[in-house]
């Protein structure tokens, strides 16, 4: 066999092995909430983000301890995101910037680089922050309304109840 053929076969098998190695990385849908999904990638990203921000080591014990918390946090995030879709609440870039600077020693670009170096998706993290600040605005607006109207005039429903028993909740709304 000539050197060119051997080199070609080596490169060919190398590329096949690389493809198989990358193909084994899975991204599964873990939970679906209405039109929102939570993937294994998002859970992994949430765990890594939590470990990084808490300055904890990435090891199996720490990962196992955070799995349930990460999933619950992502469920709450998706429920908030669903609720906020039609409310047209704008991002508070000042608050977001202030928060990011507080966790990054005033250098957001360094934080983005650190996330990348730790295989953490910064955009997912940033979206969770945006949703949290929008949610806080929403809650504040509800509190403002409650100062001007009798609390008995409000019907506040849990999104979880709406998903599990929507018929009985709809009847409460139209009573």
N, C-alpha and C. Protein backbone atom coordinates (compact mmCIF):
# COMPACT_ATOMS: atom_id res chain seq x y z
N UNK A 1 0.85 -1.17 0.00
CA UNK A 1 0.00 0.00 0.00
C UNK A 1 0.90 1.24 0.00
N UNK A 2 0.51 2.20 -0.79
CA UNK A 2 1.31 3.41 -0.86
C UNK A 2 1.04 4.29 0.35
N UNK A 3 1.91 5.23 0.56
CA UNK A 3 1.79 6.14 1.70
C UNK A 3 0.52 6.98 1.58
N UNK A 4 0.18 7.39 0.36
CA UNK A 4 -1.03 8.19 0.17
C UNK A 4 -2.28 7.41 0.57
N UNK A 5 -2.32 6.12 0.19
CA UNK A 5 -3.47 5.29 0.54
C UNK A 5 -3.56 5.08 2.04
N UNK A 6 -2.41 4.84 2.67
CA UNK A 6 -2.39 4.65 4.12
C UNK A 6 -2.83 5.92 4.84
N UNK A 7 -2.35 7.06 4.35
CA UNK A 7 -2.74 8.35 4.94
C UNK A 7 -4.23 8.59 4.75
N UNK A 8 -4.72 8.30 3.55
CA UNK A 8 -6.14 8.47 3.28
C UNK A 8 -6.98 7.58 4.21
N UNK A 9 -6.60 6.32 4.35
CA UNK A 9 -7.35 5.41 5.23
C UNK A 9 -7.29 5.87 6.69
N UNK A 10 -6.15 6.32 7.11
CA UNK A 10 -6.01 6.82 8.48
C UNK A 10 -6.93 8.01 8.71
N UNK A 11 -6.90 8.98 7.81
CA UNK A 11 -7.76 10.17 7.95
C UNK A 11 -9.22 9.76 7.88
N UNK A 12 -9.57 8.87 6.97
CA UNK A 12 -10.94 8.40 6.83
C UNK A 12 -11.43 7.76 8.13
N UNK A 13 -10.66 6.83 8.70
CA UNK A 13 -11.07 6.17 9.94
C UNK A 13 -11.07 7.15 11.11
N UNK A 14 -10.14 8.07 11.11
CA UNK A 14 -10.11 9.09 12.17
C UNK A 14 -11.38 9.93 12.15
N UNK A 15 -11.79 10.37 10.96
CA UNK A 15 -13.00 11.17 10.85
C UNK A 15 -14.24 10.38 11.24
N UNK A 16 -14.29 9.12 10.88
CA UNK A 16 -15.43 8.27 11.28
C UNK A 16 -15.48 8.14 12.80
N UNK A 17 -14.34 7.92 13.42
CA UNK A 17 -14.30 7.79 14.88
C UNK A 17 -14.72 9.10 15.55
N UNK A 18 -14.30 10.22 15.02
CA UNK A 18 -14.69 11.52 15.58
C UNK A 18 -16.19 11.71 15.47
N UNK A 19 -16.75 11.35 14.33
CA UNK A 19 -18.20 11.48 14.14
C UNK A 19 -18.95 10.62 15.14
N UNK A 20 -18.49 9.39 15.35
CA UNK A 20 -19.14 8.49 16.30
C UNK A 20 -19.03 9.02 17.72
N UNK A 21 -17.88 9.59 18.07
CA UNK A 21 -17.70 10.13 19.42
C UNK A 21 -18.63 11.30 19.64
N UNK A 22 -18.73 12.18 18.65
CA UNK A 22 -19.63 13.33 18.80
C UNK A 22 -21.09 12.91 18.77
N UNK A 23 -21.40 11.88 18.01
CA UNK A 23 -22.77 11.40 17.92
C UNK A 23 -23.27 10.80 19.22
N UNK A 24 -22.37 10.41 20.10
CA UNK A 24 -22.80 9.80 21.35
C UNK A 24 -23.25 10.84 22.38
N UNK A 25 -22.95 12.11 22.12
CA UNK A 25 -23.42 13.17 23.01
C UNK A 25 -24.90 13.40 22.70
N UNK A 26 -25.74 13.21 23.69
CA UNK A 26 -27.17 13.28 23.45
C UNK A 26 -27.78 14.53 24.07
N UNK A 27 -28.80 15.02 23.42
CA UNK A 27 -29.58 16.11 23.94
C UNK A 27 -31.04 15.66 23.86
N UNK A 28 -31.57 15.25 24.99
CA UNK A 28 -32.92 14.70 25.04
C UNK A 28 -33.89 15.72 25.63
N UNK A 29 -35.13 15.62 25.21
CA UNK A 29 -36.19 16.40 25.84
C UNK A 29 -36.54 15.69 27.14
N UNK A 30 -36.46 16.40 28.24
CA UNK A 30 -36.71 15.82 29.55
C UNK A 30 -38.13 16.13 30.01
N UNK A 31 -38.56 17.37 29.81
CA UNK A 31 -39.88 17.82 30.25
C UNK A 31 -40.45 18.75 29.19
N UNK A 32 -41.76 18.65 28.98
CA UNK A 32 -42.44 19.60 28.12
C UNK A 32 -43.52 20.28 28.94
N UNK A 33 -43.52 21.61 28.88
CA UNK A 33 -44.52 22.42 29.57
C UNK A 33 -45.16 23.30 28.51
N UNK A 34 -46.39 22.97 28.16
CA UNK A 34 -47.09 23.62 27.05
C UNK A 34 -46.19 23.58 25.81
N UNK A 35 -45.82 24.75 25.28
CA UNK A 35 -44.99 24.77 24.07
C UNK A 35 -43.50 24.90 24.40
N UNK A 36 -43.15 24.84 25.65
CA UNK A 36 -41.76 24.96 26.09
C UNK A 36 -41.20 23.58 26.44
N UNK A 37 -39.95 23.36 26.12
CA UNK A 37 -39.31 22.10 26.50
C UNK A 37 -38.08 22.39 27.36
N UNK A 38 -37.74 21.41 28.16
CA UNK A 38 -36.50 21.43 28.92
C UNK A 38 -35.68 20.24 28.44
N UNK A 39 -34.46 20.53 28.00
CA UNK A 39 -33.61 19.49 27.46
C UNK A 39 -32.53 19.09 28.47
N UNK A 40 -31.92 17.96 28.21
CA UNK A 40 -30.80 17.53 29.06
C UNK A 40 -29.65 18.53 28.96
N UNK A 41 -29.50 19.17 27.80
CA UNK A 41 -28.47 20.20 27.64
C UNK A 41 -28.72 21.38 28.58
N UNK A 42 -29.98 21.81 28.68
CA UNK A 42 -30.31 22.93 29.57
C UNK A 42 -30.07 22.56 31.03
N UNK A 43 -30.40 21.33 31.39
CA UNK A 43 -30.16 20.89 32.78
C UNK A 43 -28.66 20.89 33.06
N UNK A 44 -27.89 20.33 32.13
CA UNK A 44 -26.44 20.32 32.30
C UNK A 44 -25.91 21.75 32.42
N UNK A 45 -26.40 22.64 31.57
CA UNK A 45 -25.94 24.04 31.60
C UNK A 45 -26.30 24.70 32.93
N UNK A 46 -27.50 24.43 33.44
CA UNK A 46 -27.93 25.00 34.71
C UNK A 46 -27.06 24.49 35.86
N UNK A 47 -26.75 23.21 35.84
CA UNK A 47 -25.90 22.63 36.89
C UNK A 47 -24.51 23.25 36.84
N UNK A 48 -23.92 23.31 35.64
CA UNK A 48 -22.59 23.89 35.51
C UNK A 48 -22.57 25.37 35.91
N UNK A 49 -23.63 26.09 35.55
CA UNK A 49 -23.73 27.50 35.93
C UNK A 49 -23.78 27.64 37.45
N UNK A 50 -24.61 26.82 38.08
CA UNK A 50 -24.75 26.87 39.54
C UNK A 50 -23.44 26.54 40.23
N UNK A 51 -22.75 25.52 39.74
CA UNK A 51 -21.47 25.16 40.33
C UNK A 51 -20.43 26.27 40.14
N UNK A 52 -20.41 26.84 38.96
CA UNK A 52 -19.46 27.92 38.68
C UNK A 52 -19.72 29.13 39.59
N UNK A 53 -20.99 29.55 39.66
CA UNK A 53 -21.32 30.74 40.46
C UNK A 53 -21.10 30.50 41.95
N UNK A 54 -21.27 29.26 42.40
CA UNK A 54 -21.05 28.93 43.80
C UNK A 54 -19.58 28.60 44.09
N UNK A 55 -18.77 28.63 43.03
CA UNK A 55 -17.34 28.32 43.15
C UNK A 55 -17.11 26.90 43.71
N UNK A 56 -17.94 25.97 43.24
CA UNK A 56 -17.80 24.57 43.64
C UNK A 56 -17.15 23.76 42.53
N UNK A 57 -16.53 22.67 42.89
CA UNK A 57 -15.90 21.80 41.90
C UNK A 57 -16.96 21.06 41.10
N UNK A 58 -16.63 20.81 39.86
CA UNK A 58 -17.49 19.99 39.02
C UNK A 58 -17.09 18.54 39.25
N UNK A 59 -17.87 17.87 40.09
CA UNK A 59 -17.66 16.43 40.32
C UNK A 59 -19.03 15.77 40.42
N UNK A 60 -19.04 14.46 40.37
CA UNK A 60 -20.31 13.73 40.30
C UNK A 60 -21.18 13.96 41.53
N UNK A 61 -20.58 14.06 42.70
CA UNK A 61 -21.38 14.31 43.92
C UNK A 61 -22.10 15.65 43.83
N UNK A 62 -21.38 16.70 43.43
CA UNK A 62 -22.01 18.02 43.32
C UNK A 62 -23.07 18.04 42.22
N UNK A 63 -22.78 17.36 41.12
CA UNK A 63 -23.76 17.30 40.02
C UNK A 63 -25.03 16.59 40.50
N UNK A 64 -24.87 15.46 41.17
CA UNK A 64 -26.03 14.71 41.66
C UNK A 64 -26.86 15.52 42.65
N UNK A 65 -26.19 16.29 43.49
CA UNK A 65 -26.91 17.12 44.47
C UNK A 65 -27.72 18.23 43.80
N UNK A 66 -27.28 18.68 42.63
CA UNK A 66 -27.95 19.80 41.97
C UNK A 66 -28.97 19.40 40.91
N UNK A 67 -29.04 18.14 40.54
CA UNK A 67 -29.93 17.74 39.45
C UNK A 67 -31.38 18.14 39.69
N UNK A 68 -31.92 17.78 40.82
CA UNK A 68 -33.33 18.08 41.11
C UNK A 68 -33.56 19.59 41.20
N UNK A 69 -32.65 20.29 41.87
CA UNK A 69 -32.76 21.74 42.00
C UNK A 69 -32.71 22.41 40.63
N UNK A 70 -31.80 21.95 39.79
CA UNK A 70 -31.67 22.52 38.45
C UNK A 70 -32.95 22.30 37.64
N UNK A 71 -33.48 21.10 37.70
CA UNK A 71 -34.72 20.81 36.96
C UNK A 71 -35.87 21.67 37.48
N UNK A 72 -36.04 21.75 38.79
CA UNK A 72 -37.11 22.59 39.36
C UNK A 72 -36.93 24.05 38.97
N UNK A 73 -35.72 24.52 38.99
CA UNK A 73 -35.44 25.90 38.60
C UNK A 73 -35.81 26.13 37.14
N UNK A 74 -35.47 25.18 36.28
CA UNK A 74 -35.81 25.32 34.86
C UNK A 74 -37.31 25.23 34.62
N UNK A 75 -38.00 24.40 35.38
CA UNK A 75 -39.47 24.33 35.27
C UNK A 75 -40.07 25.67 35.64
N UNK A 76 -39.62 26.25 36.74
CA UNK A 76 -40.12 27.57 37.15
C UNK A 76 -39.81 28.63 36.10
N UNK A 77 -38.62 28.57 35.54
CA UNK A 77 -38.21 29.50 34.49
C UNK A 77 -39.14 29.40 33.28
N UNK A 78 -39.42 28.17 32.85
CA UNK A 78 -40.29 27.98 31.68
C UNK A 78 -41.72 28.42 31.98
N UNK A 79 -42.22 28.14 33.19
CA UNK A 79 -43.57 28.59 33.55
C UNK A 79 -43.65 30.12 33.55
N UNK A 80 -42.65 30.76 34.08
CA UNK A 80 -42.61 32.23 34.07
C UNK A 80 -42.56 32.75 32.64
N UNK A 81 -41.74 32.12 31.83
CA UNK A 81 -41.60 32.53 30.43
C UNK A 81 -42.94 32.42 29.70
N UNK A 82 -43.67 31.36 29.95
CA UNK A 82 -44.98 31.17 29.33
C UNK A 82 -45.93 32.29 29.76
N UNK A 83 -45.95 32.59 31.05
CA UNK A 83 -46.83 33.64 31.58
C UNK A 83 -46.47 35.01 31.01
N UNK A 84 -45.19 35.26 30.80
CA UNK A 84 -44.73 36.59 30.39
C UNK A 84 -44.90 36.86 28.90
N UNK A 85 -45.13 35.84 28.11
CA UNK A 85 -45.16 36.00 26.65
C UNK A 85 -46.12 37.10 26.20
N UNK A 86 -47.31 37.12 26.72
CA UNK A 86 -48.32 38.07 26.25
C UNK A 86 -48.37 39.38 27.04
N UNK A 87 -47.50 39.53 28.01
CA UNK A 87 -47.56 40.71 28.87
C UNK A 87 -46.74 41.88 28.35
N UNK A 88 -45.88 41.64 27.39
CA UNK A 88 -45.09 42.69 26.77
C UNK A 88 -44.28 43.50 27.80
N UNK A 89 -43.66 42.81 28.72
CA UNK A 89 -42.81 43.46 29.72
C UNK A 89 -41.41 43.55 29.12
N UNK A 90 -40.89 44.74 29.08
CA UNK A 90 -39.58 44.98 28.47
C UNK A 90 -38.44 44.58 29.41
N UNK A 91 -37.33 44.22 28.80
CA UNK A 91 -36.13 43.91 29.58
C UNK A 91 -35.61 45.17 30.25
N UNK A 92 -35.17 45.03 31.46
CA UNK A 92 -34.55 46.13 32.20
C UNK A 92 -33.04 45.96 32.09
N UNK A 93 -32.48 46.53 31.02
CA UNK A 93 -31.06 46.32 30.74
C UNK A 93 -30.16 46.90 31.82
N UNK A 94 -30.62 47.94 32.48
CA UNK A 94 -29.83 48.51 33.57
C UNK A 94 -29.70 47.49 34.71
N UNK A 95 -30.80 46.86 35.10
CA UNK A 95 -30.78 45.86 36.17
C UNK A 95 -29.96 44.63 35.75
N UNK A 96 -30.14 44.21 34.51
CA UNK A 96 -29.40 43.05 34.02
C UNK A 96 -27.90 43.33 34.05
N UNK A 97 -27.51 44.49 33.56
CA UNK A 97 -26.11 44.88 33.55
C UNK A 97 -25.55 44.98 34.97
N UNK A 98 -26.34 45.57 35.85
CA UNK A 98 -25.93 45.71 37.25
C UNK A 98 -25.71 44.33 37.88
N UNK A 99 -26.63 43.41 37.64
CA UNK A 99 -26.50 42.06 38.19
C UNK A 99 -25.26 41.35 37.63
N UNK A 100 -25.10 41.41 36.31
CA UNK A 100 -23.96 40.75 35.69
C UNK A 100 -22.63 41.31 36.20
N UNK A 101 -22.59 42.61 36.40
CA UNK A 101 -21.37 43.23 36.93
C UNK A 101 -21.13 42.78 38.38
N UNK A 102 -22.20 42.57 39.13
CA UNK A 102 -22.05 42.17 40.53
C UNK A 102 -21.48 40.76 40.67
N UNK A 103 -21.76 39.90 39.70
CA UNK A 103 -21.24 38.52 39.78
C UNK A 103 -19.95 38.34 39.00
N UNK A 104 -19.52 39.39 38.29
CA UNK A 104 -18.35 39.25 37.42
C UNK A 104 -17.21 40.18 37.79
N UNK A 105 -17.24 40.73 38.98
CA UNK A 105 -16.20 41.68 39.39
C UNK A 105 -16.11 42.85 38.40
N UNK A 106 -17.28 43.29 37.95
CA UNK A 106 -17.46 44.45 37.07
C UNK A 106 -16.96 44.26 35.64
N UNK A 107 -16.63 43.03 35.25
CA UNK A 107 -16.17 42.79 33.88
C UNK A 107 -16.99 41.66 33.25
N UNK A 108 -18.04 42.05 32.54
CA UNK A 108 -18.96 41.08 31.95
C UNK A 108 -18.28 40.27 30.86
N UNK A 109 -17.39 40.88 30.09
CA UNK A 109 -16.69 40.14 29.04
C UNK A 109 -15.86 39.00 29.62
N UNK A 110 -15.22 39.25 30.76
CA UNK A 110 -14.46 38.17 31.42
C UNK A 110 -15.39 37.05 31.87
N UNK A 111 -16.59 37.42 32.32
CA UNK A 111 -17.56 36.40 32.73
C UNK A 111 -17.97 35.54 31.53
N UNK A 112 -18.20 36.18 30.40
CA UNK A 112 -18.57 35.44 29.18
C UNK A 112 -17.45 34.48 28.80
N UNK A 113 -16.21 34.93 28.89
CA UNK A 113 -15.06 34.08 28.57
C UNK A 113 -14.96 32.92 29.56
N UNK A 114 -15.18 33.21 30.85
CA UNK A 114 -15.15 32.15 31.87
C UNK A 114 -16.24 31.11 31.61
N UNK A 115 -17.42 31.57 31.24
CA UNK A 115 -18.50 30.63 30.92
C UNK A 115 -18.06 29.74 29.75
N UNK A 116 -17.53 30.35 28.72
CA UNK A 116 -17.09 29.57 27.55
C UNK A 116 -16.01 28.57 27.94
N UNK A 117 -15.05 29.00 28.75
CA UNK A 117 -13.97 28.11 29.19
C UNK A 117 -14.49 26.96 30.03
N UNK A 118 -15.62 27.14 30.69
CA UNK A 118 -16.23 26.10 31.53
C UNK A 118 -17.37 25.37 30.82
N UNK A 119 -17.46 25.55 29.51
CA UNK A 119 -18.51 24.90 28.68
C UNK A 119 -19.91 25.22 29.16
N UNK A 120 -20.12 26.49 29.52
CA UNK A 120 -21.43 26.96 29.96
C UNK A 120 -21.97 27.91 28.90
N UNK A 121 -23.21 27.71 28.52
CA UNK A 121 -23.85 28.55 27.51
C UNK A 121 -24.31 29.84 28.19
N UNK A 122 -23.62 30.93 27.90
CA UNK A 122 -23.94 32.22 28.52
C UNK A 122 -25.31 32.72 28.09
N UNK A 123 -25.69 32.47 26.85
CA UNK A 123 -26.98 32.96 26.34
C UNK A 123 -28.15 32.34 27.10
N UNK A 124 -28.06 31.07 27.44
CA UNK A 124 -29.12 30.45 28.25
C UNK A 124 -29.19 31.10 29.62
N UNK A 125 -28.04 31.32 30.22
CA UNK A 125 -27.96 31.98 31.53
C UNK A 125 -28.56 33.39 31.45
N UNK A 126 -28.19 34.13 30.41
CA UNK A 126 -28.68 35.49 30.25
C UNK A 126 -30.20 35.52 30.07
N UNK A 127 -30.75 34.58 29.32
CA UNK A 127 -32.20 34.54 29.14
C UNK A 127 -32.91 34.26 30.46
N UNK A 128 -32.33 33.41 31.29
CA UNK A 128 -32.93 33.13 32.59
C UNK A 128 -32.92 34.38 33.47
N UNK A 129 -31.86 35.16 33.39
CA UNK A 129 -31.79 36.41 34.15
C UNK A 129 -32.86 37.38 33.65
N UNK A 130 -32.98 37.51 32.33
CA UNK A 130 -33.97 38.42 31.75
C UNK A 130 -35.38 38.04 32.20
N UNK A 131 -35.69 36.75 32.14
CA UNK A 131 -37.02 36.29 32.56
C UNK A 131 -37.25 36.58 34.03
N UNK A 132 -36.23 36.38 34.86
CA UNK A 132 -36.38 36.65 36.29
C UNK A 132 -36.67 38.12 36.56
N UNK A 133 -35.97 39.02 35.88
CA UNK A 133 -36.22 40.45 36.09
C UNK A 133 -37.59 40.87 35.52
N UNK A 134 -37.98 40.28 34.40
CA UNK A 134 -39.33 40.55 33.88
C UNK A 134 -40.38 40.07 34.87
N UNK A 135 -40.16 38.91 35.46
CA UNK A 135 -41.09 38.36 36.44
C UNK A 135 -41.21 39.28 37.65
N UNK A 136 -40.10 39.79 38.10
CA UNK A 136 -40.12 40.71 39.24
C UNK A 136 -40.93 41.97 38.91
N UNK A 137 -40.78 42.47 37.68
CA UNK A 137 -41.59 43.63 37.25
C UNK A 137 -43.07 43.28 37.27
N UNK A 138 -43.39 42.10 36.77
CA UNK A 138 -44.77 41.63 36.71
C UNK A 138 -45.37 41.55 38.11
N UNK A 139 -44.65 40.96 39.04
CA UNK A 139 -45.12 40.84 40.43
C UNK A 139 -45.31 42.23 41.04
N UNK A 140 -44.39 43.12 40.77
CA UNK A 140 -44.50 44.49 41.28
C UNK A 140 -45.76 45.17 40.73
N UNK A 141 -46.05 44.95 39.44
CA UNK A 141 -47.26 45.53 38.85
C UNK A 141 -48.52 44.97 39.50
N UNK A 142 -48.52 43.69 39.79
CA UNK A 142 -49.68 43.10 40.47
C UNK A 142 -49.85 43.72 41.85
N UNK A 143 -48.75 43.90 42.56
CA UNK A 143 -48.81 44.53 43.89
C UNK A 143 -49.35 45.95 43.79
N UNK A 144 -48.97 46.67 42.75
CA UNK A 144 -49.50 48.02 42.55
C UNK A 144 -51.02 47.99 42.37
N UNK A 145 -51.51 47.06 41.56
CA UNK A 145 -52.95 46.94 41.35
C UNK A 145 -53.66 46.57 42.65
N UNK A 146 -53.05 45.73 43.44
CA UNK A 146 -53.67 45.28 44.68
C UNK A 146 -53.78 46.41 45.71
N UNK A 147 -53.00 47.43 45.56
CA UNK A 147 -53.11 48.59 46.46
C UNK A 147 -54.33 49.44 46.12
N UNK A 148 -54.82 49.32 44.90
CA UNK A 148 -55.93 50.16 44.45
C UNK A 148 -57.27 49.43 44.37
N UNK A 149 -57.24 48.11 44.42
CA UNK A 149 -58.47 47.34 44.31
C UNK A 149 -58.55 46.35 45.47
N UNK A 150 -59.78 45.97 45.79
CA UNK A 150 -60.01 44.98 46.84
C UNK A 150 -59.41 43.64 46.41
N UNK A 151 -58.70 43.01 47.30
CA UNK A 151 -58.03 41.74 46.97
C UNK A 151 -59.03 40.65 46.59
N UNK A 152 -60.26 40.77 47.03
CA UNK A 152 -61.28 39.78 46.68
C UNK A 152 -61.64 39.84 45.20
N UNK A 153 -61.28 40.93 44.53
CA UNK A 153 -61.58 41.07 43.11
C UNK A 153 -60.55 40.36 42.22
N UNK A 154 -59.49 39.87 42.84
CA UNK A 154 -58.44 39.19 42.08
C UNK A 154 -58.63 37.68 42.17
N UNK A 155 -58.41 37.03 41.07
CA UNK A 155 -58.39 35.57 41.04
C UNK A 155 -57.01 35.18 40.51
N UNK A 156 -56.18 34.72 41.40
CA UNK A 156 -54.82 34.33 41.02
C UNK A 156 -54.77 32.81 40.98
N UNK A 157 -54.39 32.32 39.81
CA UNK A 157 -54.35 30.88 39.56
C UNK A 157 -52.92 30.41 39.38
N UNK A 158 -52.66 29.20 39.84
CA UNK A 158 -51.35 28.60 39.64
C UNK A 158 -51.30 27.98 38.25
N UNK A 159 -50.21 28.21 37.55
CA UNK A 159 -50.04 27.63 36.22
C UNK A 159 -50.07 26.10 36.29
N UNK A 160 -49.52 25.53 37.37
CA UNK A 160 -49.51 24.08 37.51
C UNK A 160 -50.93 23.54 37.59
N UNK A 161 -51.81 24.26 38.32
CA UNK A 161 -53.20 23.83 38.44
C UNK A 161 -53.92 23.95 37.10
N UNK A 162 -53.58 24.98 36.36
CA UNK A 162 -54.20 25.18 35.05
C UNK A 162 -53.86 24.02 34.12
N UNK A 163 -52.63 23.55 34.21
CA UNK A 163 -52.21 22.45 33.35
C UNK A 163 -52.82 21.13 33.80
N UNK A 164 -53.00 20.93 35.10
CA UNK A 164 -53.48 19.64 35.59
C UNK A 164 -55.00 19.53 35.59
N UNK A 165 -55.71 20.63 35.87
CA UNK A 165 -57.18 20.57 35.96
C UNK A 165 -57.77 21.86 35.40
N UNK A 166 -57.60 22.05 34.11
CA UNK A 166 -58.02 23.30 33.49
C UNK A 166 -59.54 23.52 33.50
N UNK A 167 -60.32 22.46 33.39
CA UNK A 167 -61.78 22.62 33.35
C UNK A 167 -62.33 23.24 34.64
N UNK A 168 -61.88 22.75 35.79
CA UNK A 168 -62.40 23.30 37.04
C UNK A 168 -61.90 24.74 37.25
N UNK A 169 -60.70 25.04 36.79
CA UNK A 169 -60.20 26.41 36.92
C UNK A 169 -60.96 27.37 36.02
N UNK A 170 -61.30 26.91 34.81
CA UNK A 170 -62.09 27.76 33.91
C UNK A 170 -63.46 28.06 34.52
N UNK A 171 -64.05 27.08 35.19
CA UNK A 171 -65.34 27.33 35.82
C UNK A 171 -65.21 28.35 36.94
N UNK A 172 -64.08 28.35 37.66
CA UNK A 172 -63.84 29.37 38.72
C UNK A 172 -63.74 30.77 38.10
N UNK A 173 -63.07 30.84 36.95
CA UNK A 173 -62.88 32.14 36.29
C UNK A 173 -64.23 32.74 35.88
N UNK A 174 -65.15 31.90 35.41
CA UNK A 174 -66.41 32.40 34.89
C UNK A 174 -67.54 32.42 35.92
N UNK A 175 -67.23 32.17 37.19
CA UNK A 175 -68.26 32.23 38.24
C UNK A 175 -68.71 33.66 38.46
